[in-house]
C-alpha cells in the first residue's frame, strides 16, 4: 500500500512564496510520474505541473513562477510557488504513478492541501 501526504498549504498575501511537499510512503520501488493539480470550488482539477522521465511541464498560468522538484532519497516531491496570485488559490493535490515493490504500477492521489492567496 502506498500513501501520498501533502503539506505546506497556507494563507498568504499576493507576491508571497510557498513550498508544498508531498511525501510518498509504503512499498515503493520507483516513482515514475509526479504531478501537482489544483482545484477550485465548482471546477475540475487542473494540472499545474508534472515531471517524468520525458521532461517537465507547467501550466501556462504558472510557468516561470512555479517549480516542481523531487528528493528521491526521501520519496518526497515539492512544488515551489513564487509570486503567488489570488488566482493561485485552491486545493493542491499531488498525484504520482508509482511502481510498488511487487512490480505493479498504479496511480495515487494525496488528500490535498489548501492554498489561499489574498490580494
C-alpha atoms as a PDB file:
ATOM      1  CA  UNK A   1       0.000   0.000   0.000  1.00  0.00           C
ATOM      2  CA  UNK A   2       1.243   3.453  -0.951  1.00  0.00           C
ATOM      3  CA  UNK A   3       0.153   6.765   0.508  1.00  0.00           C
ATOM      4  CA  UNK A   4       0.756  10.347  -0.555  1.00  0.00           C
ATOM      5  CA  UNK A   5       0.516  13.100   2.035  1.00  0.00           C
ATOM      6  CA  UNK A   6       0.718  16.767   1.107  1.00  0.00           C
ATOM      7  CA  UNK A   7       1.732  19.595   3.387  1.00  0.00           C
ATOM      8  CA  UNK A   8       2.667  23.244   3.165  1.00  0.00           C
ATOM      9  CA  UNK A   9      -0.622  24.888   2.278  1.00  0.00           C
ATOM     10  CA  UNK A  10      -1.261  28.201   3.976  1.00  0.00           C
ATOM     11  CA  UNK A  11      -2.950  31.588   3.825  1.00  0.00           C
ATOM     12  CA  UNK A  12      -0.590  34.094   2.222  1.00  0.00           C
ATOM     13  CA  UNK A  13      -0.549  37.507   0.589  1.00  0.00           C
ATOM     14  CA  UNK A  14      -0.170  38.112  -3.109  1.00  0.00           C
ATOM     15  CA  UNK A  15       3.514  38.116  -4.015  1.00  0.00           C
ATOM     16  CA  UNK A  16       4.479  35.655  -1.284  1.00  0.00           C
ATOM     17  CA  UNK A  17       6.028  32.231  -1.795  1.00  0.00           C
ATOM     18  CA  UNK A  18       5.092  28.777  -0.555  1.00  0.00           C
ATOM     19  CA  UNK A  19       6.600  25.341  -0.917  1.00  0.00           C
ATOM     20  CA  UNK A  20       4.264  22.386  -0.987  1.00  0.00           C
ATOM     21  CA  UNK A  21       5.553  18.936  -0.130  1.00  0.00           C
ATOM     22  CA  UNK A  22       4.219  15.516  -0.986  1.00  0.00           C
ATOM     23  CA  UNK A  23       5.643  12.575   0.926  1.00  0.00           C
ATOM     24  CA  UNK A  24       5.159   9.121  -0.505  1.00  0.00           C
ATOM     25  CA  UNK A  25       5.295   6.139   1.816  1.00  0.00           C
ATOM     26  CA  UNK A  26       4.731   2.418   1.591  1.00  0.00           C
ATOM     27  CA  UNK A  27       6.021  -0.340  -0.625  1.00  0.00           C
ATOM     28  CA  UNK A  28       7.671   1.905  -3.204  1.00  0.00           C
ATOM     29  CA  UNK A  29      10.123   0.622  -5.741  1.00  0.00           C
ATOM     30  CA  UNK A  30      10.084   3.633  -8.055  1.00  0.00           C
ATOM     31  CA  UNK A  31       8.163   6.865  -8.555  1.00  0.00           C
ATOM     32  CA  UNK A  32       7.629   7.238 -12.291  1.00  0.00           C
ATOM     33  CA  UNK A  33       5.472  10.308 -12.830  1.00  0.00           C
ATOM     34  CA  UNK A  34       4.812  13.189 -10.465  1.00  0.00           C
ATOM     35  CA  UNK A  35       2.102  15.781 -10.912  1.00  0.00           C
ATOM     36  CA  UNK A  36       0.589  18.629  -8.986  1.00  0.00           C
ATOM     37  CA  UNK A  37      -3.049  19.528  -9.609  1.00  0.00           C
ATOM     38  CA  UNK A  38      -5.125  22.427  -8.389  1.00  0.00           C
ATOM     39  CA  UNK A  39      -8.874  22.507  -7.791  1.00  0.00           C
ATOM     40  CA  UNK A  40     -11.154  25.428  -7.015  1.00  0.00           C
ATOM     41  CA  UNK A  41     -14.827  25.170  -5.969  1.00  0.00           C
ATOM     42  CA  UNK A  42     -17.049  24.084  -8.824  1.00  0.00           C
ATOM     43  CA  UNK A  43     -14.133  23.425 -11.131  1.00  0.00           C
ATOM     44  CA  UNK A  44     -12.343  20.304 -12.271  1.00  0.00           C
ATOM     45  CA  UNK A  45      -8.847  19.622 -11.136  1.00  0.00           C
ATOM     46  CA  UNK A  46      -6.322  21.211 -13.446  1.00  0.00           C
ATOM     47  CA  UNK A  47      -2.758  20.119 -13.978  1.00  0.00           C
ATOM     48  CA  UNK A  48      -0.348  22.721 -12.652  1.00  0.00           C
ATOM     49  CA  UNK A  49       2.974  20.946 -13.104  1.00  0.00           C
ATOM     50  CA  UNK A  50       4.249  17.499 -13.919  1.00  0.00           C
ATOM     51  CA  UNK A  51       7.517  15.699 -14.331  1.00  0.00           C
ATOM     52  CA  UNK A  52       8.550  12.330 -15.666  1.00  0.00           C
ATOM     53  CA  UNK A  53      11.486  10.791 -17.489  1.00  0.00           C
ATOM     54  CA  UNK A  54      10.210  12.616 -20.556  1.00  0.00           C
ATOM     55  CA  UNK A  55      10.597  16.041 -19.045  1.00  0.00           C
ATOM     56  CA  UNK A  56       8.789  18.681 -17.025  1.00  0.00           C
ATOM     57  CA  UNK A  57       5.753  20.703 -17.997  1.00  0.00           C
ATOM     58  CA  UNK A  58       3.929  23.612 -16.426  1.00  0.00           C
ATOM     59  CA  UNK A  59       0.546  25.175 -16.986  1.00  0.00           C
ATOM     60  CA  UNK A  60       0.855  28.462 -18.816  1.00  0.00           C
ATOM     61  CA  UNK A  61      -0.559  30.344 -15.839  1.00  0.00           C
ATOM     62  CA  UNK A  62       2.263  29.231 -13.532  1.00  0.00           C
ATOM     63  CA  UNK A  63       5.232  28.923 -15.884  1.00  0.00           C
ATOM     64  CA  UNK A  64       8.142  30.930 -14.596  1.00  0.00           C
ATOM     65  CA  UNK A  65       6.691  31.147 -11.078  1.00  0.00           C
ATOM     66  CA  UNK A  66       6.295  27.502 -10.004  1.00  0.00           C
ATOM     67  CA  UNK A  67       8.964  24.801  -9.904  1.00  0.00           C
ATOM     68  CA  UNK A  68       8.432  21.084  -9.386  1.00  0.00           C
ATOM     69  CA  UNK A  69      11.228  19.056  -7.867  1.00  0.00           C
ATOM     70  CA  UNK A  70      11.865  15.761  -6.131  1.00  0.00           C
ATOM     71  CA  UNK A  71      14.077  14.208  -3.486  1.00  0.00           C
ATOM     72  CA  UNK A  72      14.366  10.563  -4.467  1.00  0.00           C
ATOM     73  CA  UNK A  73      16.122   9.602  -1.248  1.00  0.00           C
ATOM     74  CA  UNK A  74      13.135  10.826   0.758  1.00  0.00           C
ATOM     75  CA  UNK A  75      10.428   9.780  -1.720  1.00  0.00           C
ATOM     76  CA  UNK A  76       9.222  13.341  -1.470  1.00  0.00           C
ATOM     77  CA  UNK A  77       8.398  15.836  -4.151  1.00  0.00           C
ATOM     78  CA  UNK A  78       7.800  19.535  -3.984  1.00  0.00           C
ATOM     79  CA  UNK A  79       6.092  22.448  -5.657  1.00  0.00           C
ATOM     80  CA  UNK A  80       7.852  25.742  -5.088  1.00  0.00           C
ATOM     81  CA  UNK A  81       5.408  28.557  -5.744  1.00  0.00           C
ATOM     82  CA  UNK A  82       6.701  32.105  -6.086  1.00  0.00           C
ATOM     83  CA  UNK A  83       4.994  35.412  -6.821  1.00  0.00           C
ATOM     84  CA  UNK A  84       1.664  33.966  -5.787  1.00  0.00           C
ATOM     85  CA  UNK A  85      -1.513  35.499  -7.133  1.00  0.00           C
ATOM     86  CA  UNK A  86      -5.109  35.314  -5.883  1.00  0.00           C
ATOM     87  CA  UNK A  87      -5.881  33.105  -8.902  1.00  0.00           C
ATOM     88  CA  UNK A  88      -3.490  30.517  -7.464  1.00  0.00           C
ATOM     89  CA  UNK A  89      -5.935  29.902  -4.628  1.00  0.00           C
ATOM     90  CA  UNK A  90      -7.196  26.357  -4.457  1.00  0.00           C
ATOM     91  CA  UNK A  91      -6.680  22.892  -3.050  1.00  0.00           C
ATOM     92  CA  UNK A  92      -3.472  21.399  -4.371  1.00  0.00           C
ATOM     93  CA  UNK A  93      -3.229  17.660  -4.879  1.00  0.00           C
ATOM     94  CA  UNK A  94      -0.162  15.603  -5.580  1.00  0.00           C
ATOM     95  CA  UNK A  95      -0.510  12.699  -7.958  1.00  0.00           C
ATOM     96  CA  UNK A  96       2.013  10.055  -8.831  1.00  0.00           C
ATOM     97  CA  UNK A  97       2.417   6.914 -10.836  1.00  0.00           C
ATOM     98  CA  UNK A  98       4.335   4.577  -8.566  1.00  0.00           C
ATOM     99  CA  UNK A  99       5.790   1.134  -9.076  1.00  0.00           C
ATOM    100  CA  UNK A 100       5.405  -0.915  -5.920  1.00  0.00           C
ATOM    101  CA  UNK A 101       7.858  -3.497  -4.683  1.00  0.00           C
ATOM    102  CA  UNK A 102       5.711  -6.250  -6.250  1.00  0.00           C
ATOM    103  CA  UNK A 103       6.351  -4.626  -9.646  1.00  0.00           C
ATOM    104  CA  UNK A 104       2.846  -3.207 -10.002  1.00  0.00           C
ATOM    105  CA  UNK A 105       2.323   0.317 -11.424  1.00  0.00           C
ATOM    106  CA  UNK A 106      -0.554   2.318 -10.014  1.00  0.00           C
ATOM    107  CA  UNK A 107      -1.716   5.921  -9.811  1.00  0.00           C
ATOM    108  CA  UNK A 108      -2.091   7.506  -6.394  1.00  0.00           C
ATOM    109  CA  UNK A 109      -3.537  10.763  -5.104  1.00  0.00           C
ATOM    110  CA  UNK A 110      -2.949  12.743  -1.967  1.00  0.00           C
ATOM    111  CA  UNK A 111      -5.810  14.260   0.010  1.00  0.00           C
ATOM    112  CA  UNK A 112      -4.934  17.848  -0.813  1.00  0.00           C
ATOM    113  CA  UNK A 113      -3.594  20.936   0.891  1.00  0.00           C
ATOM    114  CA  UNK A 114      -5.315  24.332   0.791  1.00  0.00           C
ATOM    115  CA  UNK A 115      -3.532  27.388  -0.548  1.00  0.00           C
ATOM    116  CA  UNK A 116      -5.268  30.724  -0.141  1.00  0.00           C
ATOM    117  CA  UNK A 117      -3.746  33.847  -1.668  1.00  0.00           C
ATOM    118  CA  UNK A 118      -5.197  37.141  -0.553  1.00  0.00           C
ATOM    119  CA  UNK A 119      -4.939  40.330  -2.532  1.00  0.00           C
END
